Amino acid sequence: MERVNEKRAYRHDPRLSGLQYALKRMQDGVRRDEEELNFQRKKVNSTDSQLEAQIRMAKIKMIEERVSRKREKVEEMTKTLNNVQRQAGNTKEKETEKEAAQQKFQAAKEKAKSEIAASIRTRVAIGMFDLGMSRGSKPHFLR
């Protein structure tokens, strides 16, 4: 039972680590594309040839579109990551509450057992608890 609870509480961890890794890679890709974009813009400003400038402008436009798509993807991945983190937190919180309730129940159960045992010992000691038996005979309800 405890192993199942452990699986429930930590089932989100692999997904979280995968999302974090993918998000980091995507952010690195955006950073590299922005560096490339800055490089192309500098080259356009320092070029002498009109044809080379047109080619670089086309490259700039392609890179800008790619950066835009990647940023949208990063936003989407960030939202997903936040949702999974929230779900993981809720699951772990529920498991903690469940464990606390289980421990409370076990403590109450043990307390009740000890109280009943003490009550029986007290009654037997003072003679109030008679099973209707004399030495060597059967109880009256079995006769």
C-alpha atoms as a PDB file:
ATOM      1  CA  MET A   1       0.000   0.000   0.000  1.00  0.00           C
ATOM      2  CA  GLU A   2       2.785   2.417   0.903  1.00  0.00           C
ATOM      3  CA  ARG A   3       4.533   1.673  -2.384  1.00  0.00           C
ATOM      4  CA  VAL A   4       1.385   2.596  -4.336  1.00  0.00           C
ATOM      5  CA  ASN A   5       1.118   5.886  -2.412  1.00  0.00           C
ATOM      6  CA  GLU A   6       4.773   6.577  -3.139  1.00  0.00           C
ATOM      7  CA  LYS A   7       4.116   6.059  -6.858  1.00  0.00           C
ATOM      8  CA  ARG A   8       1.126   8.401  -6.781  1.00  0.00           C
ATOM      9  CA  ALA A   9       3.029  11.119  -4.977  1.00  0.00           C
ATOM     10  CA  TYR A  10       6.000  11.030  -7.328  1.00  0.00           C
ATOM     11  CA  ARG A  11       4.443  10.076 -10.664  1.00  0.00           C
ATOM     12  CA  HIS A  12       4.786  13.662 -11.903  1.00  0.00           C
ATOM     13  CA  ASP A  13       8.537  13.869 -11.260  1.00  0.00           C
ATOM     14  CA  PRO A  14       9.712  12.306 -14.558  1.00  0.00           C
ATOM     15  CA  ARG A  15       7.349  14.513 -16.538  1.00  0.00           C
ATOM     16  CA  LEU A  16       8.520  17.581 -14.621  1.00  0.00           C
ATOM     17  CA  SER A  17      12.182  16.855 -15.216  1.00  0.00           C
ATOM     18  CA  GLY A  18      11.522  16.171 -18.916  1.00  0.00           C
ATOM     19  CA  LEU A  19       9.586  19.411 -19.307  1.00  0.00           C
ATOM     20  CA  GLN A  20      12.273  21.390 -17.498  1.00  0.00           C
ATOM     21  CA  TYR A  21      14.955  19.900 -19.742  1.00  0.00           C
ATOM     22  CA  ALA A  22      12.951  20.586 -22.924  1.00  0.00           C
ATOM     23  CA  LEU A  23      12.167  24.136 -21.773  1.00  0.00           C
ATOM     24  CA  LYS A  24      15.830  24.845 -21.095  1.00  0.00           C
ATOM     25  CA  ARG A  25      16.798  23.555 -24.536  1.00  0.00           C
ATOM     26  CA  MET A  26      14.093  25.624 -26.193  1.00  0.00           C
ATOM     27  CA  GLN A  27      15.226  28.752 -24.336  1.00  0.00           C
ATOM     28  CA  ASP A  28      18.813  28.050 -25.404  1.00  0.00           C
ATOM     29  CA  GLY A  29      17.582  27.751 -29.000  1.00  0.00           C
ATOM     30  CA  VAL A  30      15.813  31.115 -28.763  1.00  0.00           C
ATOM     31  CA  ARG A  31      18.970  32.692 -27.365  1.00  0.00           C
ATOM     32  CA  ARG A  32      21.079  31.254 -30.221  1.00  0.00           C
ATOM     33  CA  ASP A  33      18.568  32.464 -32.822  1.00  0.00           C
ATOM     34  CA  GLU A  34      18.575  35.949 -31.295  1.00  0.00           C
ATOM     35  CA  GLU A  35      22.375  35.998 -31.484  1.00  0.00           C
ATOM     36  CA  GLU A  36      22.166  34.938 -35.140  1.00  0.00           C
ATOM     37  CA  LEU A  37      19.574  37.642 -35.755  1.00  0.00           C
ATOM     38  CA  ASN A  38      21.835  40.309 -34.246  1.00  0.00           C
ATOM     39  CA  PHE A  39      24.747  39.036 -36.342  1.00  0.00           C
ATOM     40  CA  GLN A  40      22.702  39.206 -39.572  1.00  0.00           C
ATOM     41  CA  ARG A  41      21.492  42.728 -38.736  1.00  0.00           C
ATOM     42  CA  LYS A  42      25.060  43.911 -38.205  1.00  0.00           C
ATOM     43  CA  LYS A  43      26.113  42.342 -41.503  1.00  0.00           C
ATOM     44  CA  VAL A  44      23.247  44.032 -43.377  1.00  0.00           C
ATOM     45  CA  ASN A  45      24.367  47.410 -42.064  1.00  0.00           C
ATOM     46  CA  SER A  46      27.969  46.847 -43.151  1.00  0.00           C
ATOM     47  CA  THR A  47      27.376  45.199 -46.551  1.00  0.00           C
ATOM     48  CA  ASP A  48      28.261  46.876 -49.840  1.00  0.00           C
ATOM     49  CA  SER A  49      26.308  44.650 -52.201  1.00  0.00           C
ATOM     50  CA  GLN A  50      22.576  45.144 -52.678  1.00  0.00           C
ATOM     51  CA  LEU A  51      22.081  41.446 -53.468  1.00  0.00           C
ATOM     52  CA  GLU A  52      23.882  40.399 -50.286  1.00  0.00           C
ATOM     53  CA  ALA A  53      21.735  42.858 -48.301  1.00  0.00           C
ATOM     54  CA  GLN A  54      18.534  41.396 -49.802  1.00  0.00           C
ATOM     55  CA  ILE A  55      19.668  37.852 -48.978  1.00  0.00           C
ATOM     56  CA  ARG A  56      20.513  38.859 -45.410  1.00  0.00           C
ATOM     57  CA  MET A  57      17.122  40.611 -45.052  1.00  0.00           C
ATOM     58  CA  ALA A  58      15.406  37.385 -46.144  1.00  0.00           C
ATOM     59  CA  LYS A  59      17.470  35.474 -43.576  1.00  0.00           C
ATOM     60  CA  ILE A  60      16.520  38.033 -40.925  1.00  0.00           C
ATOM     61  CA  LYS A  61      12.844  37.592 -41.734  1.00  0.00           C
ATOM     62  CA  MET A  62      13.146  33.775 -41.507  1.00  0.00           C
ATOM     63  CA  ILE A  63      15.011  33.975 -38.204  1.00  0.00           C
ATOM     64  CA  GLU A  64      12.465  36.429 -36.775  1.00  0.00           C
ATOM     65  CA  GLU A  65       9.625  34.032 -37.643  1.00  0.00           C
ATOM     66  CA  ARG A  66      11.531  31.119 -36.115  1.00  0.00           C
ATOM     67  CA  VAL A  67      12.188  33.108 -32.907  1.00  0.00           C
ATOM     68  CA  SER A  68       8.521  34.093 -32.742  1.00  0.00           C
ATOM     69  CA  ARG A  69       7.381  30.460 -33.045  1.00  0.00           C
ATOM     70  CA  LYS A  70       9.924  29.332 -30.450  1.00  0.00           C
ATOM     71  CA  ARG A  71       8.830  32.028 -28.000  1.00  0.00           C
ATOM     72  CA  GLU A  72       5.211  30.906 -28.362  1.00  0.00           C
ATOM     73  CA  LYS A  73       6.326  27.347 -27.741  1.00  0.00           C
ATOM     74  CA  VAL A  74       8.319  28.437 -24.674  1.00  0.00           C
ATOM     75  CA  GLU A  75       5.218  30.193 -23.284  1.00  0.00           C
ATOM     76  CA  GLU A  76       3.115  27.077 -23.878  1.00  0.00           C
ATOM     77  CA  MET A  77       5.746  24.845 -22.271  1.00  0.00           C
ATOM     78  CA  THR A  78       5.995  27.195 -19.267  1.00  0.00           C
ATOM     79  CA  LYS A  79       2.219  27.017 -18.761  1.00  0.00           C
ATOM     80  CA  THR A  80       2.333  23.233 -18.997  1.00  0.00           C
ATOM     81  CA  LEU A  81       5.225  23.095 -16.548  1.00  0.00           C
ATOM     82  CA  ASN A  82       3.344  25.279 -14.066  1.00  0.00           C
ATOM     83  CA  ASN A  83       0.248  23.064 -14.383  1.00  0.00           C
ATOM     84  CA  VAL A  84       2.237  19.882 -13.809  1.00  0.00           C
ATOM     85  CA  GLN A  85       4.007  21.452 -10.810  1.00  0.00           C
ATOM     86  CA  ARG A  86       0.628  22.434  -9.368  1.00  0.00           C
ATOM     87  CA  GLN A  87      -0.727  18.910  -9.930  1.00  0.00           C
ATOM     88  CA  ALA A  88       2.345  17.372  -8.316  1.00  0.00           C
ATOM     89  CA  GLY A  89       2.004  19.676  -5.324  1.00  0.00           C
ATOM     90  CA  ASN A  90      -1.689  18.833  -4.948  1.00  0.00           C
ATOM     91  CA  THR A  91      -0.983  15.115  -5.169  1.00  0.00           C
ATOM     92  CA  LYS A  92       1.802  15.253  -2.582  1.00  0.00           C
ATOM     93  CA  GLU A  93      -0.373  17.396  -0.304  1.00  0.00           C
ATOM     94  CA  LYS A  94      -3.250  14.918  -0.546  1.00  0.00           C
ATOM     95  CA  GLU A  95      -0.905  12.023   0.172  1.00  0.00           C
ATOM     96  CA  THR A  96       0.456  13.832   3.231  1.00  0.00           C
ATOM     97  CA  GLU A  97      -3.077  14.492   4.501  1.00  0.00           C
ATOM     98  CA  LYS A  98      -3.999  10.869   3.853  1.00  0.00           C
ATOM     99  CA  GLU A  99      -0.964   9.608   5.760  1.00  0.00           C
ATOM    100  CA  ALA A 100      -1.738  11.930   8.688  1.00  0.00           C
ATOM    101  CA  ALA A 101      -5.343  10.687   8.805  1.00  0.00           C
ATOM    102  CA  GLN A 102      -4.132   7.071   8.661  1.00  0.00           C
ATOM    103  CA  GLN A 103      -1.678   7.670  11.530  1.00  0.00           C
ATOM    104  CA  LYS A 104      -4.412   9.378  13.550  1.00  0.00           C
ATOM    105  CA  PHE A 105      -6.730   6.430  12.927  1.00  0.00           C
ATOM    106  CA  GLN A 106      -4.042   3.924  13.965  1.00  0.00           C
ATOM    107  CA  ALA A 107      -3.314   5.906  17.135  1.00  0.00           C
ATOM    108  CA  ALA A 108      -7.035   5.997  18.028  1.00  0.00           C
ATOM    109  CA  LYS A 109      -7.294   2.278  17.319  1.00  0.00           C
ATOM    110  CA  GLU A 110      -4.350   1.475  19.590  1.00  0.00           C
ATOM    111  CA  LYS A 111      -5.730   3.732  22.320  1.00  0.00           C
ATOM    112  CA  ALA A 112      -9.125   2.029  22.143  1.00  0.00           C
ATOM    113  CA  LYS A 113      -7.469  -1.403  22.289  1.00  0.00           C
ATOM    114  CA  SER A 114      -5.457  -0.477  25.349  1.00  0.00           C
ATOM    115  CA  GLU A 115      -8.511   1.061  27.065  1.00  0.00           C
ATOM    116  CA  ILE A 116     -10.595  -2.053  26.413  1.00  0.00           C
ATOM    117  CA  ALA A 117      -7.792  -4.314  27.640  1.00  0.00           C
ATOM    118  CA  ALA A 118      -7.373  -2.197  30.790  1.00  0.00           C
ATOM    119  CA  SER A 119     -11.126  -2.280  31.401  1.00  0.00           C
ATOM    120  CA  ILE A 120     -11.233  -6.047  31.064  1.00  0.00           C
ATOM    121  CA  ARG A 121      -8.238  -6.483  33.399  1.00  0.00           C
ATOM    122  CA  THR A 122      -9.897  -4.217  35.955  1.00  0.00           C
ATOM    123  CA  ARG A 123     -13.199  -6.086  35.800  1.00  0.00           C
ATOM    124  CA  VAL A 124     -11.516  -9.477  36.056  1.00  0.00           C
ATOM    125  CA  ALA A 125      -9.414  -8.244  38.985  1.00  0.00           C
ATOM    126  CA  ILE A 126     -12.431  -7.074  40.985  1.00  0.00           C
ATOM    127  CA  GLY A 127     -14.597 -10.024  40.008  1.00  0.00           C
ATOM    128  CA  MET A 128     -17.196  -8.147  37.955  1.00  0.00           C
ATOM    129  CA  PHE A 129     -16.423 -10.038  34.820  1.00  0.00           C
ATOM    130  CA  ASP A 130     -17.725 -13.547  35.424  1.00  0.00           C
ATOM    131  CA  LEU A 131     -17.774 -15.921  32.529  1.00  0.00           C
ATOM    132  CA  GLY A 132     -20.143 -18.164  34.427  1.00  0.00           C
ATOM    133  CA  MET A 133     -17.455 -20.748  34.911  1.00  0.00           C
ATOM    134  CA  SER A 134     -16.177 -22.617  37.850  1.00  0.00           C
ATOM    135  CA  ARG A 135     -12.876 -24.363  37.682  1.00  0.00           C
ATOM    136  CA  GLY A 136     -12.970 -27.126  35.090  1.00  0.00           C
ATOM    137  CA  SER A 137     -16.514 -26.498  33.856  1.00  0.00           C
ATOM    138  CA  LYS A 138     -17.851 -25.080  30.643  1.00  0.00           C
ATOM    139  CA  PRO A 139     -19.316 -21.584  30.464  1.00  0.00           C
ATOM    140  CA  HIS A 140     -23.065 -21.454  31.120  1.00  0.00           C
ATOM    141  CA  PHE A 141     -23.824 -20.480  27.529  1.00  0.00           C
ATOM    142  CA  LEU A 142     -22.174 -23.674  26.263  1.00  0.00           C
ATOM    143  CA  ARG A 143     -24.053 -26.076  28.600  1.00  0.00           C
END
